[in-house]
Amino acid sequence: PPGTIVDILKYRAGESPNKILYRFILDEEGHVEELTYAQLEQNAATLGAELLARISIDSSTRPRAVILCKPGIPYLNAFFSCLYANIIAVPL
């Protein structure tokens, strides 16, 4: 069985790639935004690699990243990207 949240996401993206993982109601009219396991896994892996390419890592401490997003898919992409890159996410 998977051990970390990243492992679980990778597993679920492989087993049920098109299954909706998150659904956000955007307004009172019921417009929604959805995110599947595969979409989140792809976004997190891509953005996580981009984060690692842009920072310098000191081996004595884990880097931190401030997340300035409202609740929704951009926040989830940012948070999971940090997990993929082994960066401590600091949501504000």
Protein backbone atom coordinates (compact mmCIF):
# COMPACT_ATOMS: atom_id res chain seq x y z
CA PRO A 1 0.00 0.00 0.00
CA PRO A 2 1.10 3.60 -0.63
CA GLY A 3 2.90 5.33 2.23
CA THR A 4 2.69 9.10 1.63
CA ILE A 5 0.01 11.42 0.30
CA VAL A 6 2.04 11.70 -2.91
CA ASP A 7 2.18 7.90 -3.18
CA ILE A 8 -1.58 7.70 -2.68
CA LEU A 9 -2.25 10.34 -5.33
CA LYS A 10 0.02 8.55 -7.82
CA TYR A 11 -1.71 5.26 -7.07
CA ARG A 12 -5.21 6.72 -7.45
CA ALA A 13 -4.24 8.56 -10.64
CA GLY A 14 -3.12 5.23 -12.07
CA GLU A 15 -6.15 3.25 -10.87
CA SER A 16 -8.91 5.83 -11.44
CA PRO A 17 -7.46 8.66 -13.53
CA ASN A 18 -10.79 10.18 -14.58
CA LYS A 19 -12.50 9.94 -11.21
CA ILE A 20 -13.36 13.35 -9.77
CA LEU A 21 -11.31 14.03 -6.68
CA TYR A 22 -12.49 17.58 -5.89
CA ARG A 23 -15.54 19.56 -6.95
CA PHE A 24 -15.85 23.24 -6.08
CA ILE A 25 -19.08 25.19 -6.33
CA LEU A 26 -18.07 28.55 -7.76
CA ASP A 27 -21.21 30.60 -7.34
CA GLU A 28 -24.85 30.64 -6.29
CA GLU A 29 -25.95 29.49 -9.75
CA GLY A 30 -24.20 26.18 -9.19
CA HIS A 31 -21.30 26.52 -11.61
CA VAL A 32 -18.67 24.00 -10.63
CA GLU A 33 -14.99 23.38 -11.19
CA GLU A 34 -13.76 19.80 -11.02
CA LEU A 35 -10.38 18.15 -10.68
CA THR A 36 -9.64 14.47 -11.36
CA TYR A 37 -6.94 12.35 -9.79
CA ALA A 38 -4.95 12.38 -13.04
CA GLN A 39 -5.23 16.16 -13.44
CA LEU A 40 -4.04 16.83 -9.89
CA GLU A 41 -1.19 14.34 -10.23
CA GLN A 42 -0.08 15.88 -13.53
CA ASN A 43 -0.35 19.44 -12.23
CA ALA A 44 1.46 18.66 -8.98
CA ALA A 45 4.30 16.79 -10.70
CA THR A 46 4.80 19.57 -13.26
CA LEU A 47 4.61 22.44 -10.78
CA GLY A 48 6.69 20.55 -8.21
CA ALA A 49 9.48 20.12 -10.75
CA GLU A 50 9.23 23.82 -11.61
CA LEU A 51 9.53 24.74 -7.93
CA LEU A 52 12.65 22.62 -7.56
CA ALA A 53 14.18 24.21 -10.64
CA ARG A 54 13.67 27.71 -9.24
CA ILE A 55 14.97 27.34 -5.68
CA SER A 56 18.32 26.67 -4.13
CA ILE A 57 18.20 23.90 -1.57
CA ASP A 58 20.25 24.01 1.61
CA SER A 59 20.74 20.43 2.71
CA SER A 60 20.38 21.36 6.39
CA THR A 61 16.77 22.58 6.13
CA ARG A 62 13.70 21.89 4.03
CA PRO A 63 12.60 24.87 1.96
CA ARG A 64 9.26 26.54 2.59
CA ALA A 65 6.76 28.05 0.18
CA VAL A 66 3.99 30.47 1.05
CA ILE A 67 0.70 29.68 -0.70
CA LEU A 68 -1.46 32.73 -1.35
CA CYS A 69 -4.57 31.26 -2.95
CA LYS A 70 -8.23 31.24 -2.16
CA PRO A 71 -9.73 27.79 -1.62
CA GLY A 72 -10.08 26.01 -4.93
CA ILE A 73 -8.15 24.15 -7.58
CA PRO A 74 -5.20 26.60 -7.74
CA TYR A 75 -4.70 26.10 -4.00
CA LEU A 76 -4.76 22.31 -4.35
CA ASN A 77 -2.30 22.44 -7.23
CA ALA A 78 0.06 24.62 -5.19
CA PHE A 79 -0.22 22.50 -2.03
CA PHE A 80 0.32 19.17 -3.77
CA SER A 81 3.18 20.67 -5.80
CA CYS A 82 4.94 21.43 -2.54
CA LEU A 83 4.40 17.84 -1.40
CA TYR A 84 5.87 16.53 -4.66
CA ALA A 85 8.91 18.78 -4.29
CA ASN A 86 9.34 17.99 -0.57
CA ILE A 87 8.82 21.65 0.24
CA ILE A 88 6.96 22.71 3.37
CA ALA A 89 3.73 24.43 2.30
CA VAL A 90 2.73 27.48 4.35
CA PRO A 91 -0.85 28.44 3.46
CA LEU A 92 -1.85 32.01 4.32
